[in-house]
Amino acid sequence: MKLSDIDSQDLKKDQPKELEGDINHNIIEILEEEGITVDMLVDTALELYAPHPGLETREIAEERFRRELDIAISDANLCLLIYSGILLEREGEKGSLPNISRSSYEKDLTFIIADEVMGMSIAKYISGDKGIFEFVRFDKQKPGILSKLGPFMDDIIGGLIGGVSANMYTRGMAEAAENQRKPKKNLENSGVIAG
């Protein structure tokens, strides 16, 4: 049987298409409660900064990273993925993770890959395969805050930074290319009289 052969019913057809109600918890505030600030995210991202067209200086890169971060965290699904990592980290610290002892959690055993899968998923969710590439770069080098975080959060935050960084480079280069394509004003035909 193929999936296309299954009759589908929209059992959720009467549900709203948008979020409703007041938002009482902001993911940035929750991260700050965990000791992770936006400035730490920016500083960590910029430790692996490499100049590119459209991101010629660290100042431009920082501004772009902050903008891309704001775009990313406006997505409720991404915020829920990040929050799931926070909850796993909290449970690991308490020794309450299923099928993993507290000492195994603390050792960040290499055969436990759920943290890596979550980090890659976050990076890919934000920016596709480019995000995974950036996640791997950050995960291997563990710059900034990543070297101080627990077994789950280093990968969760690495995925967030990796995905946002990939978008930062992609959009920066796209805007630089767009600016190159724009016709330059020709002063001879502009109606300006030199004087």
C-alpha atoms as a PDB file:
ATOM      1  CA  MET A   1       0.000   0.000   0.000  1.00  0.00           C
ATOM      2  CA  LYS A   2       1.242   3.468  -0.894  1.00  0.00           C
ATOM      3  CA  LEU A   3       0.670   6.567   1.179  1.00  0.00           C
ATOM      4  CA  SER A   4      -1.142   8.065  -1.799  1.00  0.00           C
ATOM      5  CA  ASP A   5      -3.672   5.197  -1.619  1.00  0.00           C
ATOM      6  CA  ILE A   6      -4.760   6.102   1.903  1.00  0.00           C
ATOM      7  CA  ASP A   7      -7.885   8.203   2.115  1.00  0.00           C
ATOM      8  CA  SER A   8      -7.087  11.246   4.161  1.00  0.00           C
ATOM      9  CA  GLN A   9      -9.424  13.134   6.370  1.00  0.00           C
ATOM     10  CA  ASP A  10      -8.612  16.535   7.712  1.00  0.00           C
ATOM     11  CA  LEU A  11      -9.391  15.799  11.337  1.00  0.00           C
ATOM     12  CA  LYS A  12      -7.940  19.170  12.346  1.00  0.00           C
ATOM     13  CA  LYS A  13      -9.828  21.244   9.793  1.00  0.00           C
ATOM     14  CA  ASP A  14     -11.634  23.312  12.420  1.00  0.00           C
ATOM     15  CA  GLN A  15      -8.479  24.298  14.273  1.00  0.00           C
ATOM     16  CA  PRO A  16      -7.209  27.881  13.979  1.00  0.00           C
ATOM     17  CA  LYS A  17      -4.448  28.528  11.462  1.00  0.00           C
ATOM     18  CA  GLU A  18      -2.630  31.006  13.715  1.00  0.00           C
ATOM     19  CA  LEU A  19      -1.478  31.129  17.319  1.00  0.00           C
ATOM     20  CA  GLU A  20      -4.007  32.553  19.717  1.00  0.00           C
ATOM     21  CA  GLY A  21      -3.852  34.171  23.133  1.00  0.00           C
ATOM     22  CA  ASP A  22      -1.132  35.958  25.031  1.00  0.00           C
ATOM     23  CA  ILE A  23       2.408  34.608  24.989  1.00  0.00           C
ATOM     24  CA  ASN A  24       3.603  34.322  28.582  1.00  0.00           C
ATOM     25  CA  HIS A  25       7.033  32.819  27.976  1.00  0.00           C
ATOM     26  CA  ASN A  26       9.585  34.143  25.500  1.00  0.00           C
ATOM     27  CA  ILE A  27      12.406  31.785  24.459  1.00  0.00           C
ATOM     28  CA  ILE A  28      15.016  34.531  24.874  1.00  0.00           C
ATOM     29  CA  GLU A  29      13.861  35.130  28.447  1.00  0.00           C
ATOM     30  CA  ILE A  30      13.953  31.390  29.133  1.00  0.00           C
ATOM     31  CA  LEU A  31      17.490  31.163  27.721  1.00  0.00           C
ATOM     32  CA  GLU A  32      18.509  34.111  29.901  1.00  0.00           C
ATOM     33  CA  GLU A  33      17.143  32.233  32.937  1.00  0.00           C
ATOM     34  CA  GLU A  34      19.500  29.417  31.903  1.00  0.00           C
ATOM     35  CA  GLY A  35      22.403  31.912  31.789  1.00  0.00           C
ATOM     36  CA  ILE A  36      22.500  32.270  27.985  1.00  0.00           C
ATOM     37  CA  THR A  37      22.140  35.823  26.676  1.00  0.00           C
ATOM     38  CA  VAL A  38      21.765  37.125  23.136  1.00  0.00           C
ATOM     39  CA  ASP A  39      25.155  38.808  23.501  1.00  0.00           C
ATOM     40  CA  MET A  40      26.693  35.408  24.315  1.00  0.00           C
ATOM     41  CA  LEU A  41      25.080  33.919  21.208  1.00  0.00           C
ATOM     42  CA  VAL A  42      26.427  36.772  19.077  1.00  0.00           C
ATOM     43  CA  ASP A  43      29.913  36.592  20.594  1.00  0.00           C
ATOM     44  CA  THR A  44      30.036  32.827  20.061  1.00  0.00           C
ATOM     45  CA  ALA A  45      28.885  33.136  16.444  1.00  0.00           C
ATOM     46  CA  LEU A  46      31.455  35.818  15.713  1.00  0.00           C
ATOM     47  CA  GLU A  47      34.343  33.756  17.095  1.00  0.00           C
ATOM     48  CA  LEU A  48      34.156  31.750  13.846  1.00  0.00           C
ATOM     49  CA  TYR A  49      33.309  34.767  11.675  1.00  0.00           C
ATOM     50  CA  ALA A  50      34.951  34.847   8.258  1.00  0.00           C
ATOM     51  CA  PRO A  51      34.559  37.901   6.013  1.00  0.00           C
ATOM     52  CA  HIS A  52      32.310  37.354   2.987  1.00  0.00           C
ATOM     53  CA  PRO A  53      30.777  39.648   0.381  1.00  0.00           C
ATOM     54  CA  GLY A  54      28.030  41.507   2.203  1.00  0.00           C
ATOM     55  CA  LEU A  55      29.653  40.721   5.569  1.00  0.00           C
ATOM     56  CA  GLU A  56      32.945  42.515   5.144  1.00  0.00           C
ATOM     57  CA  THR A  57      33.261  43.585   8.793  1.00  0.00           C
ATOM     58  CA  ARG A  58      32.440  42.116  12.182  1.00  0.00           C
ATOM     59  CA  GLU A  59      30.064  45.018  12.799  1.00  0.00           C
ATOM     60  CA  ILE A  60      28.036  44.186   9.691  1.00  0.00           C
ATOM     61  CA  ALA A  61      28.108  40.488  10.615  1.00  0.00           C
ATOM     62  CA  GLU A  62      26.895  41.214  14.145  1.00  0.00           C
ATOM     63  CA  GLU A  63      24.007  43.339  12.907  1.00  0.00           C
ATOM     64  CA  ARG A  64      23.040  40.673  10.363  1.00  0.00           C
ATOM     65  CA  PHE A  65      23.326  37.851  12.936  1.00  0.00           C
ATOM     66  CA  ARG A  66      21.050  39.698  15.370  1.00  0.00           C
ATOM     67  CA  ARG A  67      18.505  40.288  12.590  1.00  0.00           C
ATOM     68  CA  GLU A  68      18.598  36.640  11.503  1.00  0.00           C
ATOM     69  CA  LEU A  69      18.265  35.512  15.126  1.00  0.00           C
ATOM     70  CA  ASP A  70      15.150  37.653  15.542  1.00  0.00           C
ATOM     71  CA  ILE A  71      13.668  36.101  12.402  1.00  0.00           C
ATOM     72  CA  ALA A  72      14.495  32.570  13.574  1.00  0.00           C
ATOM     73  CA  ILE A  73      13.055  32.895  17.064  1.00  0.00           C
ATOM     74  CA  SER A  74       9.829  34.361  15.728  1.00  0.00           C
ATOM     75  CA  ASP A  75       8.989  30.755  14.737  1.00  0.00           C
ATOM     76  CA  ALA A  76       7.079  28.957  17.508  1.00  0.00           C
ATOM     77  CA  ASN A  77       8.245  25.549  16.254  1.00  0.00           C
ATOM     78  CA  LEU A  78      11.890  26.505  16.575  1.00  0.00           C
ATOM     79  CA  CYS A  79      11.266  27.875  20.074  1.00  0.00           C
ATOM     80  CA  LEU A  80       9.664  24.570  21.064  1.00  0.00           C
ATOM     81  CA  LEU A  81      12.672  22.623  19.749  1.00  0.00           C
ATOM     82  CA  ILE A  82      15.022  24.833  21.772  1.00  0.00           C
ATOM     83  CA  TYR A  83      12.814  24.494  24.840  1.00  0.00           C
ATOM     84  CA  SER A  84      12.803  20.700  24.537  1.00  0.00           C
ATOM     85  CA  GLY A  85      16.596  20.814  24.786  1.00  0.00           C
ATOM     86  CA  ILE A  86      16.375  23.010  27.875  1.00  0.00           C
ATOM     87  CA  LEU A  87      13.993  20.536  29.498  1.00  0.00           C
ATOM     88  CA  LEU A  88      16.249  17.575  28.625  1.00  0.00           C
ATOM     89  CA  GLU A  89      19.228  19.411  30.114  1.00  0.00           C
ATOM     90  CA  ARG A  90      17.297  20.105  33.327  1.00  0.00           C
ATOM     91  CA  GLU A  91      16.216  16.466  33.592  1.00  0.00           C
ATOM     92  CA  GLY A  92      19.772  15.286  32.940  1.00  0.00           C
ATOM     93  CA  GLU A  93      21.104  17.504  35.723  1.00  0.00           C
ATOM     94  CA  LYS A  94      18.548  15.938  38.083  1.00  0.00           C
ATOM     95  CA  GLY A  95      19.367  12.413  36.913  1.00  0.00           C
ATOM     96  CA  SER A  96      15.804  11.969  35.627  1.00  0.00           C
ATOM     97  CA  LEU A  97      16.374  11.122  31.958  1.00  0.00           C
ATOM     98  CA  PRO A  98      14.886   7.795  30.856  1.00  0.00           C
ATOM     99  CA  ASN A  99      17.402   4.970  30.398  1.00  0.00           C
ATOM    100  CA  ILE A 100      20.408   7.203  31.149  1.00  0.00           C
ATOM    101  CA  SER A 101      22.077   7.482  34.530  1.00  0.00           C
ATOM    102  CA  ARG A 102      23.129  10.856  35.852  1.00  0.00           C
ATOM    103  CA  SER A 103      26.804   9.900  35.556  1.00  0.00           C
ATOM    104  CA  SER A 104      26.304   8.851  31.905  1.00  0.00           C
ATOM    105  CA  TYR A 105      24.599  12.185  31.232  1.00  0.00           C
ATOM    106  CA  GLU A 106      27.452  14.094  32.873  1.00  0.00           C
ATOM    107  CA  LYS A 107      30.069  12.221  30.816  1.00  0.00           C
ATOM    108  CA  ASP A 108      28.282  13.120  27.541  1.00  0.00           C
ATOM    109  CA  LEU A 109      28.897   9.614  26.207  1.00  0.00           C
ATOM    110  CA  THR A 110      29.566   9.486  22.479  1.00  0.00           C
ATOM    111  CA  PHE A 111      27.013   6.742  21.816  1.00  0.00           C
ATOM    112  CA  ILE A 112      24.237   9.047  23.076  1.00  0.00           C
ATOM    113  CA  ILE A 113      23.437  10.962  19.888  1.00  0.00           C
ATOM    114  CA  ALA A 114      20.023  12.444  20.673  1.00  0.00           C
ATOM    115  CA  ASP A 115      21.699  15.762  21.503  1.00  0.00           C
ATOM    116  CA  GLU A 116      23.531  15.821  18.154  1.00  0.00           C
ATOM    117  CA  VAL A 117      20.370  14.900  16.270  1.00  0.00           C
ATOM    118  CA  MET A 118      18.505  17.733  17.971  1.00  0.00           C
ATOM    119  CA  GLY A 119      21.262  20.240  17.207  1.00  0.00           C
ATOM    120  CA  MET A 120      21.375  19.198  13.557  1.00  0.00           C
ATOM    121  CA  SER A 121      17.577  19.297  13.352  1.00  0.00           C
ATOM    122  CA  ILE A 122      17.485  22.839  14.692  1.00  0.00           C
ATOM    123  CA  ALA A 123      20.206  23.994  12.291  1.00  0.00           C
ATOM    124  CA  LYS A 124      18.511  22.302   9.346  1.00  0.00           C
ATOM    125  CA  TYR A 125      15.108  23.655  10.332  1.00  0.00           C
ATOM    126  CA  ILE A 126      16.490  27.196  10.275  1.00  0.00           C
ATOM    127  CA  SER A 127      18.551  27.035   7.101  1.00  0.00           C
ATOM    128  CA  GLY A 128      18.636  23.612   5.483  1.00  0.00           C
ATOM    129  CA  ASP A 129      21.830  21.757   4.681  1.00  0.00           C
ATOM    130  CA  LYS A 130      23.919  24.923   5.023  1.00  0.00           C
ATOM    131  CA  GLY A 131      22.771  25.052   8.631  1.00  0.00           C
ATOM    132  CA  ILE A 132      24.034  21.523   9.254  1.00  0.00           C
ATOM    133  CA  PHE A 133      27.421  22.490   7.816  1.00  0.00           C
ATOM    134  CA  GLU A 134      27.609  25.459  10.186  1.00  0.00           C
ATOM    135  CA  PHE A 135      26.398  23.315  13.116  1.00  0.00           C
ATOM    136  CA  VAL A 136      29.276  20.888  12.531  1.00  0.00           C
ATOM    137  CA  ARG A 137      31.758  23.789  12.426  1.00  0.00           C
ATOM    138  CA  PHE A 138      30.518  25.105  15.762  1.00  0.00           C
ATOM    139  CA  ASP A 139      30.118  21.662  17.327  1.00  0.00           C
ATOM    140  CA  LYS A 140      33.706  20.651  16.548  1.00  0.00           C
ATOM    141  CA  GLN A 141      35.337  23.882  17.733  1.00  0.00           C
ATOM    142  CA  LYS A 142      32.970  24.710  20.644  1.00  0.00           C
ATOM    143  CA  PRO A 143      33.710  28.449  20.691  1.00  0.00           C
ATOM    144  CA  GLY A 144      32.425  30.818  23.372  1.00  0.00           C
ATOM    145  CA  ILE A 145      29.443  29.709  25.414  1.00  0.00           C
ATOM    146  CA  LEU A 146      29.326  26.295  23.691  1.00  0.00           C
ATOM    147  CA  SER A 147      32.360  25.100  25.687  1.00  0.00           C
ATOM    148  CA  LYS A 148      30.561  25.863  28.953  1.00  0.00           C
ATOM    149  CA  LEU A 149      27.149  24.304  28.271  1.00  0.00           C
ATOM    150  CA  GLY A 150      25.911  20.859  29.230  1.00  0.00           C
ATOM    151  CA  PRO A 151      25.596  17.841  26.938  1.00  0.00           C
ATOM    152  CA  PHE A 152      22.241  18.816  25.443  1.00  0.00           C
ATOM    153  CA  MET A 153      22.486  22.587  25.462  1.00  0.00           C
ATOM    154  CA  ASP A 154      25.830  22.787  23.680  1.00  0.00           C
ATOM    155  CA  ASP A 155      24.221  21.057  20.696  1.00  0.00           C
ATOM    156  CA  ILE A 156      20.899  22.902  20.950  1.00  0.00           C
ATOM    157  CA  ILE A 157      22.633  26.280  21.049  1.00  0.00           C
ATOM    158  CA  GLY A 158      25.187  25.107  18.469  1.00  0.00           C
ATOM    159  CA  GLY A 159      22.285  24.258  16.157  1.00  0.00           C
ATOM    160  CA  LEU A 160      20.678  27.640  16.757  1.00  0.00           C
ATOM    161  CA  ILE A 161      23.916  29.530  16.127  1.00  0.00           C
ATOM    162  CA  GLY A 162      24.795  27.336  13.149  1.00  0.00           C
ATOM    163  CA  GLY A 163      21.427  27.813  11.470  1.00  0.00           C
ATOM    164  CA  VAL A 164      21.335  31.551  12.107  1.00  0.00           C
ATOM    165  CA  SER A 165      24.969  31.924  10.934  1.00  0.00           C
ATOM    166  CA  ALA A 166      24.221  30.061   7.712  1.00  0.00           C
ATOM    167  CA  ASN A 167      21.349  32.457   7.007  1.00  0.00           C
ATOM    168  CA  MET A 168      23.559  35.405   7.919  1.00  0.00           C
ATOM    169  CA  TYR A 169      26.140  34.410   5.291  1.00  0.00           C
ATOM    170  CA  THR A 170      23.563  33.427   2.676  1.00  0.00           C
ATOM    171  CA  ARG A 171      21.540  36.634   2.916  1.00  0.00           C
ATOM    172  CA  GLY A 172      24.627  38.810   3.227  1.00  0.00           C
ATOM    173  CA  MET A 173      26.086  37.365   0.049  1.00  0.00           C
ATOM    174  CA  ALA A 174      22.718  37.577  -1.740  1.00  0.00           C
ATOM    175  CA  GLU A 175      22.334  41.256  -0.855  1.00  0.00           C
ATOM    176  CA  ALA A 176      25.902  41.965  -1.974  1.00  0.00           C
ATOM    177  CA  ALA A 177      25.217  40.247  -5.304  1.00  0.00           C
ATOM    178  CA  GLU A 178      21.950  42.179  -5.691  1.00  0.00           C
ATOM    179  CA  ASN A 179      23.758  45.458  -5.048  1.00  0.00           C
ATOM    180  CA  GLN A 180      26.324  44.505  -7.715  1.00  0.00           C
ATOM    181  CA  ARG A 181      23.549  43.941 -10.264  1.00  0.00           C
ATOM    182  CA  LYS A 182      21.833  47.284  -9.652  1.00  0.00           C
ATOM    183  CA  PRO A 183      22.689  49.716 -12.418  1.00  0.00           C
ATOM    184  CA  LYS A 184      25.057  52.439 -11.380  1.00  0.00           C
ATOM    185  CA  LYS A 185      23.849  55.956 -11.987  1.00  0.00           C
ATOM    186  CA  ASN A 186      25.386  57.414 -15.078  1.00  0.00           C
ATOM    187  CA  LEU A 187      26.231  61.014 -14.273  1.00  0.00           C
ATOM    188  CA  GLU A 188      26.304  61.986 -17.944  1.00  0.00           C
ATOM    189  CA  ASN A 189      22.640  61.070 -18.392  1.00  0.00           C
ATOM    190  CA  SER A 190      21.420  62.037 -14.933  1.00  0.00           C
ATOM    191  CA  GLY A 191      20.597  65.640 -15.761  1.00  0.00           C
ATOM    192  CA  VAL A 192      23.212  66.863 -13.275  1.00  0.00           C
ATOM    193  CA  ILE A 193      25.184  69.821 -14.588  1.00  0.00           C
ATOM    194  CA  ALA A 194      28.772  69.872 -13.446  1.00  0.00           C
ATOM    195  CA  GLY A 195      29.797  73.262 -12.341  1.00  0.00           C
END
